[in-house]
Amino acid sequence: ELMDPDPSSQDAQGINLHGVSTLDLPPGLERDYRFSIYSYHETSALVRVSFTSQQTGEFMVVEVELEFYAPQSLATIKMEAACRQQVRHKI
C-alpha cells in the first residue's frame, strides 16, 4: 500500500507497485516477500506492507522508505541504414 505520496495525488500517478496479495507460509518457516515498484520520475515514497494471519488474526506491519533517482545512460546505440532497409541492434 502506497502511503506517501498520497495515492490520489499527481505525484503518485507515476509510481506503480506490484506484489502478491496472499502468501501461504506454514508455521515455523521463513519466506522472502518480494514486490516490485517502479517510478517514472525522481521522487521518494513510503510503502506499507501488512501481513495478517487469517487463522489467528495476528498481524505485522512493515514500512519501507524508497528513493527514486534519475537513470544514467549506459550507452548510445547508433543506427544508420540506407533508404528502406532494416537496422537491428541486439540488446
C-alpha atoms as a PDB file:
ATOM      1  CA  GLU A   1       0.000   0.000   0.000  1.00  0.00           C
ATOM      2  CA  LEU A   2       1.439   3.360  -1.038  1.00  0.00           C
ATOM      3  CA  MET A   3       1.357   5.743   1.925  1.00  0.00           C
ATOM      4  CA  ASP A   4       3.374   8.746   0.749  1.00  0.00           C
ATOM      5  CA  PRO A   5       2.795  10.433  -1.627  1.00  0.00           C
ATOM      6  CA  ASP A   6      -0.968  10.188  -1.249  1.00  0.00           C
ATOM      7  CA  PRO A   7      -2.235   7.577  -3.776  1.00  0.00           C
ATOM      8  CA  SER A   8      -4.745  10.066  -5.223  1.00  0.00           C
ATOM      9  CA  SER A   9      -2.124  12.800  -5.754  1.00  0.00           C
ATOM     10  CA  GLN A  10      -0.454  13.747  -9.034  1.00  0.00           C
ATOM     11  CA  ASP A  11       2.967  12.619  -7.695  1.00  0.00           C
ATOM     12  CA  ALA A  12       1.666   9.093  -7.113  1.00  0.00           C
ATOM     13  CA  GLN A  13       0.425   8.699 -10.691  1.00  0.00           C
ATOM     14  CA  GLY A  14       3.950   7.831 -11.894  1.00  0.00           C
ATOM     15  CA  ILE A  15       4.518   5.126  -9.261  1.00  0.00           C
ATOM     16  CA  ASN A  16       3.493   1.512  -9.917  1.00  0.00           C
ATOM     17  CA  LEU A  17       3.507  -1.034  -7.088  1.00  0.00           C
ATOM     18  CA  HIS A  18       3.070  -4.761  -7.739  1.00  0.00           C
ATOM     19  CA  GLY A  19       3.003  -7.581  -5.199  1.00  0.00           C
ATOM     20  CA  VAL A  20       1.065 -10.733  -4.431  1.00  0.00           C
ATOM     21  CA  SER A  21      -1.991 -10.232  -2.241  1.00  0.00           C
ATOM     22  CA  THR A  22      -1.696 -13.551  -0.385  1.00  0.00           C
ATOM     23  CA  LEU A  23       1.283 -15.547   0.834  1.00  0.00           C
ATOM     24  CA  ASP A  24       0.919 -19.044   2.287  1.00  0.00           C
ATOM     25  CA  LEU A  25       3.510 -19.699   4.967  1.00  0.00           C
ATOM     26  CA  PRO A  26       3.483 -22.786   7.189  1.00  0.00           C
ATOM     27  CA  PRO A  27       4.258 -22.231  10.903  1.00  0.00           C
ATOM     28  CA  GLY A  28       7.923 -22.014  11.820  1.00  0.00           C
ATOM     29  CA  LEU A  29       9.157 -21.263   8.295  1.00  0.00           C
ATOM     30  CA  GLU A  30      10.550 -18.108   6.745  1.00  0.00           C
ATOM     31  CA  ARG A  31       9.993 -16.867   3.215  1.00  0.00           C
ATOM     32  CA  ASP A  32      11.047 -13.699   1.421  1.00  0.00           C
ATOM     33  CA  TYR A  33       8.238 -11.447   0.273  1.00  0.00           C
ATOM     34  CA  ARG A  34       9.094  -9.715  -2.976  1.00  0.00           C
ATOM     35  CA  PHE A  35       7.320  -6.822  -4.552  1.00  0.00           C
ATOM     36  CA  SER A  36       8.150  -4.574  -7.487  1.00  0.00           C
ATOM     37  CA  ILE A  37       7.863  -0.828  -7.501  1.00  0.00           C
ATOM     38  CA  TYR A  38       8.579   1.451 -10.456  1.00  0.00           C
ATOM     39  CA  SER A  39       8.694   5.222 -10.642  1.00  0.00           C
ATOM     40  CA  TYR A  40       8.717   7.251 -13.830  1.00  0.00           C
ATOM     41  CA  HIS A  41      10.237  10.342 -12.196  1.00  0.00           C
ATOM     42  CA  GLU A  42      12.568  11.255  -9.323  1.00  0.00           C
ATOM     43  CA  THR A  43      10.721  11.095  -6.037  1.00  0.00           C
ATOM     44  CA  SER A  44      10.572   9.378  -2.680  1.00  0.00           C
ATOM     45  CA  ALA A  45       7.860   7.055  -1.423  1.00  0.00           C
ATOM     46  CA  LEU A  46       6.727   5.308   1.719  1.00  0.00           C
ATOM     47  CA  VAL A  47       5.207   1.840   1.244  1.00  0.00           C
ATOM     48  CA  ARG A  48       3.370  -0.088   3.955  1.00  0.00           C
ATOM     49  CA  VAL A  49       3.199  -3.888   3.739  1.00  0.00           C
ATOM     50  CA  SER A  50       0.785  -5.666   6.115  1.00  0.00           C
ATOM     51  CA  PHE A  51       0.939  -9.379   6.920  1.00  0.00           C
ATOM     52  CA  THR A  52      -2.105 -10.879   8.661  1.00  0.00           C
ATOM     53  CA  SER A  53      -2.713 -14.440   9.804  1.00  0.00           C
ATOM     54  CA  GLN A  54      -6.197 -15.447   8.683  1.00  0.00           C
ATOM     55  CA  GLN A  55      -6.370 -18.127  11.400  1.00  0.00           C
ATOM     56  CA  THR A  56      -5.250 -16.151  14.455  1.00  0.00           C
ATOM     57  CA  GLY A  57      -5.742 -12.545  13.378  1.00  0.00           C
ATOM     58  CA  GLU A  58      -2.158 -11.693  14.305  1.00  0.00           C
ATOM     59  CA  PHE A  59      -0.587  -9.075  12.087  1.00  0.00           C
ATOM     60  CA  MET A  60       2.714  -7.388  11.344  1.00  0.00           C
ATOM     61  CA  VAL A  61       3.187  -4.093   9.516  1.00  0.00           C
ATOM     62  CA  VAL A  62       6.428  -3.168   7.738  1.00  0.00           C
ATOM     63  CA  GLU A  63       7.080   0.285   6.323  1.00  0.00           C
ATOM     64  CA  VAL A  64       9.677   0.710   3.577  1.00  0.00           C
ATOM     65  CA  GLU A  65      11.107   4.105   2.591  1.00  0.00           C
ATOM     66  CA  LEU A  66      12.260   4.340  -1.021  1.00  0.00           C
ATOM     67  CA  GLU A  67      14.198   6.946  -3.002  1.00  0.00           C
ATOM     68  CA  PHE A  68      13.994   7.039  -6.793  1.00  0.00           C
ATOM     69  CA  TYR A  69      16.759   8.680  -8.818  1.00  0.00           C
ATOM     70  CA  ALA A  70      17.028   9.595 -12.491  1.00  0.00           C
ATOM     71  CA  PRO A  71      18.608   6.804 -14.529  1.00  0.00           C
ATOM     72  CA  GLN A  72      22.025   7.166 -16.105  1.00  0.00           C
ATOM     73  CA  SER A  73      22.631   6.344 -19.737  1.00  0.00           C
ATOM     74  CA  LEU A  74      24.581   3.120 -20.279  1.00  0.00           C
ATOM     75  CA  ALA A  75      25.370   3.712 -23.954  1.00  0.00           C
ATOM     76  CA  THR A  76      24.171   5.249 -27.181  1.00  0.00           C
ATOM     77  CA  ILE A  77      23.126   2.941 -29.979  1.00  0.00           C
ATOM     78  CA  LYS A  78      23.958   4.418 -33.368  1.00  0.00           C
ATOM     79  CA  MET A  79      21.611   3.179 -36.072  1.00  0.00           C
ATOM     80  CA  GLU A  80      22.176   4.020 -39.715  1.00  0.00           C
ATOM     81  CA  ALA A  81      20.623   2.430 -42.795  1.00  0.00           C
ATOM     82  CA  ALA A  82      20.138   3.087 -46.438  1.00  0.00           C
ATOM     83  CA  CYS A  83      16.665   4.088 -47.510  1.00  0.00           C
ATOM     84  CA  ARG A  84      14.071   1.309 -46.990  1.00  0.00           C
ATOM     85  CA  GLN A  85      16.493  -1.024 -45.230  1.00  0.00           C
ATOM     86  CA  GLN A  86      16.114  -2.543 -41.787  1.00  0.00           C
ATOM     87  CA  VAL A  87      18.528  -1.803 -38.991  1.00  0.00           C
ATOM     88  CA  ARG A  88      18.859  -4.079 -35.951  1.00  0.00           C
ATOM     89  CA  HIS A  89      20.875  -3.952 -32.795  1.00  0.00           C
ATOM     90  CA  LYS A  90      20.881  -6.727 -30.212  1.00  0.00           C
ATOM     91  CA  ILE A  91      20.471  -5.525 -26.646  1.00  0.00           C
END
